[in-house]
Amino acid sequence: METIRRKELHADQKKKRTEKMSAACLQLTEATLAYPTADMERKEEITLWGPETISAMPGAAAWMRDDDAYYKICLLMRDSGMSWDNGPYRTAILAINDEMKEWEEHGTAYEKWCQDGANMDDLHEKSLFTEWNQATGKSEFISSGDIKKNMKIQEFTPEMLQQRDDLNYFYNFQWNQERSPGCPNTRFEEIMKVPDQVELLELVAVGDNHGVAKCDFGAVFVPKSALTHLQYNGGCEIGTIFDGEITFTPQNKFPWRLKKNGITFTYQDNTDDY
């Protein structure tokens, strides 16, 4: 009987030691904190997590024993945008809102300007424009290097600038390609030229001896023979539209010239659709 009692006491002590060890090994690895939001009507939660056994990453319990734990949590919430009351996240959002309001104000002012019958003719007039010159590292007037005898810098309209950009793009990326290595000259070499083009042309001036048309690449000189052809094939007046083969003449007043017998198609029905 004494032996049985002794065994029971031993088992009871062993059970208590096991429970005590288990309690000592308990670790708080997660802690969820709830905090009020700016409107005070709801709460947000933030969960802290970390394994207790890794000294470099202490668990939530050890981390929260830090005297500045709650202050650090506040900083984390602010910087992550979880707390709307202050912080860089709130500042960035408010800056975006202010910018959107500014856009709306500009749009409202523009609509009012249009409704008031604003005169936009000045937007299409010729003017001086600047561009960045990579060679000099400065902004210079466009075509300032081509000053004529009258010592005046060429002026451009927005349409002329677009034509100039189109011409530069095609010259550099479409018309002038590198030769393949199979050519007799095995060294890569660019063929720098402006090939003849067939373009949609619109007459913008008609004189006794010649006319002037425009296309996507600039002004086009139209000889008198072409004007006569147009006169007998649908009309020859400002606004007349036709297709023509043009050649590049950079040394002349007009950079392009309609080739002899270069009219390829005429549009007899000259409407505002073109």
C-alpha atoms as a PDB file:
ATOM      1  CA  MET A   1       0.000   0.000   0.000  1.00  0.00           C
ATOM      2  CA  GLU A   2       2.860   2.292   0.884  1.00  0.00           C
ATOM      3  CA  THR A   3       4.470   1.479  -2.449  1.00  0.00           C
ATOM      4  CA  ILE A   4       1.322   2.440  -4.349  1.00  0.00           C
ATOM      5  CA  ARG A   5       1.053   5.727  -2.437  1.00  0.00           C
ATOM      6  CA  ARG A   6       4.686   6.490  -3.181  1.00  0.00           C
ATOM      7  CA  LYS A   7       4.122   5.900  -6.908  1.00  0.00           C
ATOM      8  CA  GLU A   8       1.093   8.205  -6.894  1.00  0.00           C
ATOM      9  CA  LEU A   9       3.056  10.983  -5.185  1.00  0.00           C
ATOM     10  CA  HIS A  10       5.902  10.540  -7.647  1.00  0.00           C
ATOM     11  CA  ALA A  11       3.512  10.727 -10.611  1.00  0.00           C
ATOM     12  CA  ASP A  12       1.808  13.794  -9.153  1.00  0.00           C
ATOM     13  CA  GLN A  13       5.130  15.582  -8.657  1.00  0.00           C
ATOM     14  CA  LYS A  14       6.228  14.685 -12.190  1.00  0.00           C
ATOM     15  CA  LYS A  15       2.976  16.069 -13.587  1.00  0.00           C
ATOM     16  CA  LYS A  16       3.430  19.345 -11.675  1.00  0.00           C
ATOM     17  CA  ARG A  17       7.042  19.681 -12.908  1.00  0.00           C
ATOM     18  CA  THR A  18       5.868  19.086 -16.490  1.00  0.00           C
ATOM     19  CA  GLU A  19       3.110  21.689 -16.166  1.00  0.00           C
ATOM     20  CA  LYS A  20       5.568  24.166 -14.649  1.00  0.00           C
ATOM     21  CA  MET A  21       8.036  23.620 -17.495  1.00  0.00           C
ATOM     22  CA  SER A  22       5.267  24.019 -20.079  1.00  0.00           C
ATOM     23  CA  ALA A  23       4.187  27.251 -18.484  1.00  0.00           C
ATOM     24  CA  ALA A  24       7.746  28.507 -18.529  1.00  0.00           C
ATOM     25  CA  CYS A  25       8.047  27.690 -22.226  1.00  0.00           C
ATOM     26  CA  LEU A  26       4.913  29.581 -23.176  1.00  0.00           C
ATOM     27  CA  GLN A  27       5.753  32.410 -25.601  1.00  0.00           C
ATOM     28  CA  LEU A  28       3.696  35.308 -26.868  1.00  0.00           C
ATOM     29  CA  THR A  29       4.605  35.457 -30.570  1.00  0.00           C
ATOM     30  CA  GLU A  30       1.654  37.585 -31.721  1.00  0.00           C
ATOM     31  CA  ALA A  31      -0.102  40.592 -30.275  1.00  0.00           C
ATOM     32  CA  THR A  32      -3.012  42.398 -31.929  1.00  0.00           C
ATOM     33  CA  LEU A  33      -3.618  46.000 -30.909  1.00  0.00           C
ATOM     34  CA  ALA A  34      -6.734  48.012 -31.743  1.00  0.00           C
ATOM     35  CA  TYR A  35      -6.553  51.785 -32.014  1.00  0.00           C
ATOM     36  CA  PRO A  36      -9.150  54.438 -32.883  1.00  0.00           C
ATOM     37  CA  THR A  37      -9.159  56.082 -36.310  1.00  0.00           C
ATOM     38  CA  ALA A  38      -9.526  59.779 -37.081  1.00  0.00           C
ATOM     39  CA  ASP A  39     -13.326  59.617 -37.268  1.00  0.00           C
ATOM     40  CA  MET A  40     -13.436  57.920 -33.817  1.00  0.00           C
ATOM     41  CA  GLU A  41     -16.313  55.694 -35.027  1.00  0.00           C
ATOM     42  CA  ARG A  42     -14.297  52.623 -35.860  1.00  0.00           C
ATOM     43  CA  LYS A  43     -11.008  51.017 -34.964  1.00  0.00           C
ATOM     44  CA  GLU A  44      -8.109  49.640 -36.929  1.00  0.00           C
ATOM     45  CA  GLU A  45      -5.997  46.699 -35.857  1.00  0.00           C
ATOM     46  CA  ILE A  46      -2.272  46.121 -36.125  1.00  0.00           C
ATOM     47  CA  THR A  47      -0.704  42.713 -35.425  1.00  0.00           C
ATOM     48  CA  LEU A  48       2.857  42.346 -34.146  1.00  0.00           C
ATOM     49  CA  TRP A  49       4.552  39.029 -34.795  1.00  0.00           C
ATOM     50  CA  GLY A  50       8.009  37.544 -34.284  1.00  0.00           C
ATOM     51  CA  PRO A  51       9.587  34.287 -33.018  1.00  0.00           C
ATOM     52  CA  GLU A  52      10.819  34.527 -29.433  1.00  0.00           C
ATOM     53  CA  THR A  53      13.620  32.038 -29.978  1.00  0.00           C
ATOM     54  CA  ILE A  54      15.577  34.186 -32.456  1.00  0.00           C
ATOM     55  CA  SER A  55      17.564  36.798 -30.625  1.00  0.00           C
ATOM     56  CA  ALA A  56      17.798  39.042 -33.687  1.00  0.00           C
ATOM     57  CA  MET A  57      14.000  39.021 -34.054  1.00  0.00           C
ATOM     58  CA  PRO A  58      12.491  39.071 -30.544  1.00  0.00           C
ATOM     59  CA  GLY A  59       8.909  37.974 -30.188  1.00  0.00           C
ATOM     60  CA  ALA A  60       5.971  40.272 -29.614  1.00  0.00           C
ATOM     61  CA  ALA A  61       6.126  39.927 -25.849  1.00  0.00           C
ATOM     62  CA  ALA A  62       9.777  40.886 -25.619  1.00  0.00           C
ATOM     63  CA  TRP A  63       9.308  43.694 -28.106  1.00  0.00           C
ATOM     64  CA  MET A  64       6.361  45.128 -26.193  1.00  0.00           C
ATOM     65  CA  ARG A  65       8.355  45.126 -22.974  1.00  0.00           C
ATOM     66  CA  ASP A  66      10.379  47.946 -24.473  1.00  0.00           C
ATOM     67  CA  ASP A  67       9.607  51.255 -22.766  1.00  0.00           C
ATOM     68  CA  ASP A  68       9.115  52.935 -26.172  1.00  0.00           C
ATOM     69  CA  ALA A  69       7.081  50.105 -27.702  1.00  0.00           C
ATOM     70  CA  TYR A  70       3.819  51.992 -28.052  1.00  0.00           C
ATOM     71  CA  TYR A  71       5.569  55.089 -29.376  1.00  0.00           C
ATOM     72  CA  LYS A  72       7.305  52.946 -32.011  1.00  0.00           C
ATOM     73  CA  ILE A  73       3.951  51.386 -32.934  1.00  0.00           C
ATOM     74  CA  CYS A  74       2.544  54.886 -33.359  1.00  0.00           C
ATOM     75  CA  LEU A  75       5.399  55.799 -35.706  1.00  0.00           C
ATOM     76  CA  LEU A  76       4.855  52.622 -37.752  1.00  0.00           C
ATOM     77  CA  MET A  77       1.150  53.355 -38.117  1.00  0.00           C
ATOM     78  CA  ARG A  78       1.847  56.945 -39.151  1.00  0.00           C
ATOM     79  CA  ASP A  79       4.534  56.141 -41.721  1.00  0.00           C
ATOM     80  CA  SER A  80       2.568  53.251 -43.234  1.00  0.00           C
ATOM     81  CA  GLY A  81      -0.545  55.378 -43.638  1.00  0.00           C
ATOM     82  CA  MET A  82      -2.637  53.365 -41.177  1.00  0.00           C
ATOM     83  CA  SER A  83      -3.077  56.473 -39.070  1.00  0.00           C
ATOM     84  CA  TRP A  84      -4.687  59.265 -41.092  1.00  0.00           C
ATOM     85  CA  ASP A  85      -4.172  61.961 -38.472  1.00  0.00           C
ATOM     86  CA  ASN A  86      -0.657  62.837 -39.615  1.00  0.00           C
ATOM     87  CA  GLY A  87       2.446  61.554 -41.355  1.00  0.00           C
ATOM     88  CA  PRO A  88       3.946  61.496 -44.866  1.00  0.00           C
ATOM     89  CA  TYR A  89       1.153  59.315 -46.291  1.00  0.00           C
ATOM     90  CA  ARG A  90      -1.508  61.869 -45.373  1.00  0.00           C
ATOM     91  CA  THR A  91       0.691  64.713 -46.651  1.00  0.00           C
ATOM     92  CA  ALA A  92       1.125  62.997 -50.032  1.00  0.00           C
ATOM     93  CA  ILE A  93      -2.611  62.332 -50.424  1.00  0.00           C
ATOM     94  CA  LEU A  94      -3.512  65.913 -49.572  1.00  0.00           C
ATOM     95  CA  ALA A  95      -0.916  67.183 -52.065  1.00  0.00           C
ATOM     96  CA  ILE A  96      -2.527  65.061 -54.793  1.00  0.00           C
ATOM     97  CA  ASN A  97      -5.952  66.428 -53.864  1.00  0.00           C
ATOM     98  CA  ASP A  98      -4.668  69.989 -54.074  1.00  0.00           C
ATOM     99  CA  GLU A  99      -3.167  69.277 -57.501  1.00  0.00           C
ATOM    100  CA  MET A 100      -6.455  67.819 -58.762  1.00  0.00           C
ATOM    101  CA  LYS A 101      -8.310  70.880 -57.511  1.00  0.00           C
ATOM    102  CA  GLU A 102      -5.830  73.059 -59.390  1.00  0.00           C
ATOM    103  CA  TRP A 103      -6.488  71.065 -62.574  1.00  0.00           C
ATOM    104  CA  GLU A 104     -10.217  71.577 -62.093  1.00  0.00           C
ATOM    105  CA  GLU A 105      -9.713  75.310 -61.649  1.00  0.00           C
ATOM    106  CA  HIS A 106      -7.655  75.469 -64.845  1.00  0.00           C
ATOM    107  CA  GLY A 107     -10.309  73.472 -66.716  1.00  0.00           C
ATOM    108  CA  THR A 108     -13.082  75.754 -65.466  1.00  0.00           C
ATOM    109  CA  ALA A 109     -11.122  78.852 -66.438  1.00  0.00           C
ATOM    110  CA  TYR A 110     -10.392  77.413 -69.893  1.00  0.00           C
ATOM    111  CA  GLU A 111     -14.057  76.567 -70.523  1.00  0.00           C
ATOM    112  CA  LYS A 112     -15.084  80.064 -69.483  1.00  0.00           C
ATOM    113  CA  TRP A 113     -12.416  81.522 -71.769  1.00  0.00           C
ATOM    114  CA  CYS A 114     -13.769  79.520 -74.698  1.00  0.00           C
ATOM    115  CA  GLN A 115     -17.384  80.443 -73.923  1.00  0.00           C
ATOM    116  CA  ASP A 116     -16.485  84.119 -73.831  1.00  0.00           C
ATOM    117  CA  GLY A 117     -15.524  83.914 -77.507  1.00  0.00           C
ATOM    118  CA  ALA A 118     -11.803  84.256 -76.941  1.00  0.00           C
ATOM    119  CA  ASN A 119      -9.774  85.048 -80.012  1.00  0.00           C
ATOM    120  CA  MET A 120      -7.349  82.170 -80.617  1.00  0.00           C
ATOM    121  CA  ASP A 121      -5.852  83.529 -83.835  1.00  0.00           C
ATOM    122  CA  ASP A 122      -2.684  84.525 -82.011  1.00  0.00           C
ATOM    123  CA  LEU A 123      -2.008  80.859 -81.246  1.00  0.00           C
ATOM    124  CA  HIS A 124      -1.526  80.195 -84.956  1.00  0.00           C
ATOM    125  CA  GLU A 125       0.653  83.205 -85.713  1.00  0.00           C
ATOM    126  CA  LYS A 126       4.371  82.915 -86.363  1.00  0.00           C
ATOM    127  CA  SER A 127       6.650  83.413 -83.410  1.00  0.00           C
ATOM    128  CA  LEU A 128      10.142  82.688 -82.133  1.00  0.00           C
ATOM    129  CA  PHE A 129      10.632  79.329 -80.442  1.00  0.00           C
ATOM    130  CA  THR A 130      13.605  77.923 -78.553  1.00  0.00           C
ATOM    131  CA  GLU A 131      14.985  74.402 -78.369  1.00  0.00           C
ATOM    132  CA  TRP A 132      17.736  72.667 -76.410  1.00  0.00           C
ATOM    133  CA  ASN A 133      20.992  72.462 -78.348  1.00  0.00           C
ATOM    134  CA  GLN A 134      22.941  69.415 -77.168  1.00  0.00           C
ATOM    135  CA  ALA A 135      26.101  70.625 -78.894  1.00  0.00           C
ATOM    136  CA  THR A 136      26.277  73.846 -76.874  1.00  0.00           C
ATOM    137  CA  GLY A 137      24.335  72.736 -73.799  1.00  0.00           C
ATOM    138  CA  LYS A 138      22.076  75.782 -74.047  1.00  0.00           C
ATOM    139  CA  SER A 139      18.599  76.723 -75.217  1.00  0.00           C
ATOM    140  CA  GLU A 140      18.719  78.582 -78.526  1.00  0.00           C
ATOM    141  CA  PHE A 141      16.209  80.000 -80.963  1.00  0.00           C
ATOM    142  CA  ILE A 142      15.248  77.478 -83.631  1.00  0.00           C
ATOM    143  CA  SER A 143      17.206  78.149 -86.836  1.00  0.00           C
ATOM    144  CA  SER A 144      19.327  80.791 -85.124  1.00  0.00           C
ATOM    145  CA  GLY A 145      22.291  79.348 -87.005  1.00  0.00           C
ATOM    146  CA  ASP A 146      20.638  80.060 -90.364  1.00  0.00           C
ATOM    147  CA  ILE A 147      20.233  83.823 -90.061  1.00  0.00           C
ATOM    148  CA  LYS A 148      19.653  85.323 -93.481  1.00  0.00           C
ATOM    149  CA  LYS A 149      21.039  88.562 -94.890  1.00  0.00           C
ATOM    150  CA  ASN A 150      18.439  90.598 -93.039  1.00  0.00           C
ATOM    151  CA  MET A 151      19.849  89.206 -89.770  1.00  0.00           C
ATOM    152  CA  LYS A 152      16.449  87.939 -88.629  1.00  0.00           C
ATOM    153  CA  ILE A 153      15.804  84.591 -87.015  1.00  0.00           C
ATOM    154  CA  GLN A 154      13.126  82.526 -88.723  1.00  0.00           C
ATOM    155  CA  GLU A 155       9.750  82.435 -87.027  1.00  0.00           C
ATOM    156  CA  PHE A 156       7.500  79.385 -86.883  1.00  0.00           C
ATOM    157  CA  THR A 157       3.842  78.576 -86.373  1.00  0.00           C
ATOM    158  CA  PRO A 158       2.885  75.526 -84.267  1.00  0.00           C
ATOM    159  CA  GLU A 159       2.001  73.738 -87.507  1.00  0.00           C
ATOM    160  CA  MET A 160       5.437  74.484 -88.955  1.00  0.00           C
ATOM    161  CA  LEU A 161       7.096  73.110 -85.818  1.00  0.00           C
ATOM    162  CA  GLN A 162       5.141  69.873 -86.160  1.00  0.00           C
ATOM    163  CA  GLN A 163       6.165  69.606 -89.814  1.00  0.00           C
ATOM    164  CA  ARG A 164       9.781  70.141 -88.800  1.00  0.00           C
ATOM    165  CA  ASP A 165       9.561  67.406 -86.150  1.00  0.00           C
ATOM    166  CA  ASP A 166       7.973  64.979 -88.636  1.00  0.00           C
ATOM    167  CA  LEU A 167      10.721  65.661 -91.174  1.00  0.00           C
ATOM    168  CA  ASN A 168      13.460  65.118 -88.584  1.00  0.00           C
ATOM    169  CA  TYR A 169      11.894  61.863 -87.400  1.00  0.00           C
ATOM    170  CA  PHE A 170      11.562  60.353 -90.853  1.00  0.00           C
ATOM    171  CA  TYR A 171      15.025  61.559 -91.864  1.00  0.00           C
ATOM    172  CA  ASN A 172      16.688  59.932 -88.855  1.00  0.00           C
ATOM    173  CA  PHE A 173      14.612  56.798 -88.299  1.00  0.00           C
ATOM    174  CA  GLN A 174      12.732  55.891 -91.487  1.00  0.00           C
ATOM    175  CA  TRP A 175      14.550  57.023 -94.611  1.00  0.00           C
ATOM    176  CA  ASN A 176      18.144  56.500 -93.506  1.00  0.00           C
ATOM    177  CA  GLN A 177      18.843  52.948 -92.404  1.00  0.00           C
ATOM    178  CA  GLU A 178      22.179  51.278 -91.745  1.00  0.00           C
ATOM    179  CA  ARG A 179      23.513  49.105 -94.556  1.00  0.00           C
ATOM    180  CA  SER A 180      23.679  45.384 -93.885  1.00  0.00           C
ATOM    181  CA  PRO A 181      27.084  43.679 -93.473  1.00  0.00           C
ATOM    182  CA  GLY A 182      26.522  41.936 -96.837  1.00  0.00           C
ATOM    183  CA  CYS A 183      27.107  45.156 -98.781  1.00  0.00           C
ATOM    184  CA  PRO A 184      30.427  45.581-100.603  1.00  0.00           C
ATOM    185  CA  ASN A 185      31.369  48.079 -97.947  1.00  0.00           C
ATOM    186  CA  THR A 186      31.211  45.844 -94.873  1.00  0.00           C
ATOM    187  CA  ARG A 187      31.453  48.801 -92.503  1.00  0.00           C
ATOM    188  CA  PHE A 188      28.057  50.002 -91.281  1.00  0.00           C
ATOM    189  CA  GLU A 189      27.275  53.216 -93.067  1.00  0.00           C
ATOM    190  CA  GLU A 190      24.251  55.436 -93.151  1.00  0.00           C
ATOM    191  CA  ILE A 191      22.828  56.653 -96.448  1.00  0.00           C
ATOM    192  CA  MET A 192      21.820  60.159 -95.470  1.00  0.00           C
ATOM    193  CA  LYS A 193      19.248  61.371 -97.950  1.00  0.00           C
ATOM    194  CA  VAL A 194      15.627  62.445 -98.261  1.00  0.00           C
ATOM    195  CA  PRO A 195      13.814  60.287-100.831  1.00  0.00           C
ATOM    196  CA  ASP A 196      10.985  61.581-103.011  1.00  0.00           C
ATOM    197  CA  GLN A 197       7.591  61.218-101.412  1.00  0.00           C
ATOM    198  CA  VAL A 198       3.968  61.025-102.527  1.00  0.00           C
ATOM    199  CA  GLU A 199       2.020  63.158-100.049  1.00  0.00           C
ATOM    200  CA  LEU A 200      -1.420  64.644 -99.561  1.00  0.00           C
ATOM    201  CA  LEU A 201      -1.088  68.346-100.452  1.00  0.00           C
ATOM    202  CA  GLU A 202      -3.297  71.347 -99.785  1.00  0.00           C
ATOM    203  CA  LEU A 203      -2.961  74.628-101.639  1.00  0.00           C
ATOM    204  CA  VAL A 204      -2.422  77.543 -99.271  1.00  0.00           C
ATOM    205  CA  ALA A 205      -1.468  80.189-101.844  1.00  0.00           C
ATOM    206  CA  VAL A 206      -2.119  80.619-105.593  1.00  0.00           C
ATOM    207  CA  GLY A 207      -0.247  83.164-107.701  1.00  0.00           C
ATOM    208  CA  ASP A 208       0.147  83.990-111.385  1.00  0.00           C
ATOM    209  CA  ASN A 209       3.353  81.991-111.796  1.00  0.00           C
ATOM    210  CA  HIS A 210       3.320  79.429-108.985  1.00  0.00           C
ATOM    211  CA  GLY A 211       1.470  78.263-105.928  1.00  0.00           C
ATOM    212  CA  VAL A 212       2.341  76.983-102.457  1.00  0.00           C
ATOM    213  CA  ALA A 213       0.954  73.859-100.852  1.00  0.00           C
ATOM    214  CA  LYS A 214       1.563  72.271 -97.490  1.00  0.00           C
ATOM    215  CA  CYS A 215       2.063  68.680 -96.394  1.00  0.00           C
ATOM    216  CA  ASP A 216       3.141  66.856 -93.244  1.00  0.00           C
ATOM    217  CA  PHE A 217       6.766  67.790 -93.918  1.00  0.00           C
ATOM    218  CA  GLY A 218       6.416  71.501 -94.690  1.00  0.00           C
ATOM    219  CA  ALA A 219       5.749  73.938 -97.538  1.00  0.00           C
ATOM    220  CA  VAL A 220       5.768  72.712-101.156  1.00  0.00           C
ATOM    221  CA  PHE A 221       6.479  74.808-104.254  1.00  0.00           C
ATOM    222  CA  VAL A 222       3.815  74.168-106.921  1.00  0.00           C
ATOM    223  CA  PRO A 223       4.829  75.230-110.476  1.00  0.00           C
ATOM    224  CA  LYS A 224       2.442  77.007-112.863  1.00  0.00           C
ATOM    225  CA  SER A 225       2.015  73.882-115.017  1.00  0.00           C
ATOM    226  CA  ALA A 226       0.626  72.010-112.014  1.00  0.00           C
ATOM    227  CA  LEU A 227      -1.787  74.850-111.246  1.00  0.00           C
ATOM    228  CA  THR A 228      -3.064  74.654-114.822  1.00  0.00           C
ATOM    229  CA  HIS A 229      -3.539  70.914-114.476  1.00  0.00           C
ATOM    230  CA  LEU A 230      -5.517  71.395-111.280  1.00  0.00           C
ATOM    231  CA  GLN A 231      -7.641  74.106-112.904  1.00  0.00           C
ATOM    232  CA  TYR A 232      -8.846  71.609-115.497  1.00  0.00           C
ATOM    233  CA  ASN A 233      -9.212  68.751-113.009  1.00  0.00           C
ATOM    234  CA  GLY A 234     -11.467  69.913-110.245  1.00  0.00           C
ATOM    235  CA  GLY A 235     -10.303  73.456-109.488  1.00  0.00           C
ATOM    236  CA  CYS A 236      -7.285  75.451-108.416  1.00  0.00           C
ATOM    237  CA  GLU A 237      -7.919  77.626-105.374  1.00  0.00           C
ATOM    238  CA  ILE A 238      -6.849  77.899-101.767  1.00  0.00           C
ATOM    239  CA  GLY A 239      -7.966  74.727-100.011  1.00  0.00           C
ATOM    240  CA  THR A 240      -7.686  72.493-103.098  1.00  0.00           C
ATOM    241  CA  ILE A 241      -6.459  69.041-102.050  1.00  0.00           C
ATOM    242  CA  PHE A 242      -4.525  66.591-104.202  1.00  0.00           C
ATOM    243  CA  ASP A 243      -1.856  63.892-104.065  1.00  0.00           C
ATOM    244  CA  GLY A 244       1.531  64.748-105.506  1.00  0.00           C
ATOM    245  CA  GLU A 245       5.071  63.419-105.792  1.00  0.00           C
ATOM    246  CA  ILE A 246       7.442  65.873-104.160  1.00  0.00           C
ATOM    247  CA  THR A 247      11.224  66.160-103.993  1.00  0.00           C
ATOM    248  CA  PHE A 248      13.311  67.743-101.228  1.00  0.00           C
ATOM    249  CA  THR A 249      15.086  71.008-102.133  1.00  0.00           C
ATOM    250  CA  PRO A 250      16.753  72.307 -98.947  1.00  0.00           C
ATOM    251  CA  GLN A 251      18.593  75.193-100.616  1.00  0.00           C
ATOM    252  CA  ASN A 252      15.417  76.847-101.912  1.00  0.00           C
ATOM    253  CA  LYS A 253      12.888  79.063-100.180  1.00  0.00           C
ATOM    254  CA  PHE A 254      10.441  76.179 -99.993  1.00  0.00           C
ATOM    255  CA  PRO A 255      11.995  72.916 -98.756  1.00  0.00           C
ATOM    256  CA  TRP A 256       9.867  70.751-101.067  1.00  0.00           C
ATOM    257  CA  ARG A 257       8.950  71.034-104.755  1.00  0.00           C
ATOM    258  CA  LEU A 258       6.229  69.279-106.700  1.00  0.00           C
ATOM    259  CA  LYS A 259       7.911  67.239-109.432  1.00  0.00           C
ATOM    260  CA  LYS A 260       7.093  67.675-113.117  1.00  0.00           C
ATOM    261  CA  ASN A 261       3.875  65.763-113.869  1.00  0.00           C
ATOM    262  CA  GLY A 262       3.902  64.968-110.177  1.00  0.00           C
ATOM    263  CA  ILE A 263       0.155  65.219-109.509  1.00  0.00           C
ATOM    264  CA  THR A 264      -1.008  61.631-108.961  1.00  0.00           C
ATOM    265  CA  PHE A 265      -4.604  62.175-107.861  1.00  0.00           C
ATOM    266  CA  THR A 266      -7.041  65.090-107.556  1.00  0.00           C
ATOM    267  CA  TYR A 267     -10.016  65.435-105.274  1.00  0.00           C
ATOM    268  CA  GLN A 268     -12.808  67.107-107.214  1.00  0.00           C
ATOM    269  CA  ASP A 269     -15.095  67.260-104.201  1.00  0.00           C
ATOM    270  CA  ASN A 270     -13.155  69.728-102.052  1.00  0.00           C
ATOM    271  CA  THR A 271     -14.989  69.736 -98.719  1.00  0.00           C
ATOM    272  CA  ASP A 272     -14.083  70.485 -95.149  1.00  0.00           C
ATOM    273  CA  ASP A 273     -13.725  66.752 -94.507  1.00  0.00           C
ATOM    274  CA  TYR A 274     -10.133  66.869 -95.693  1.00  0.00           C
END
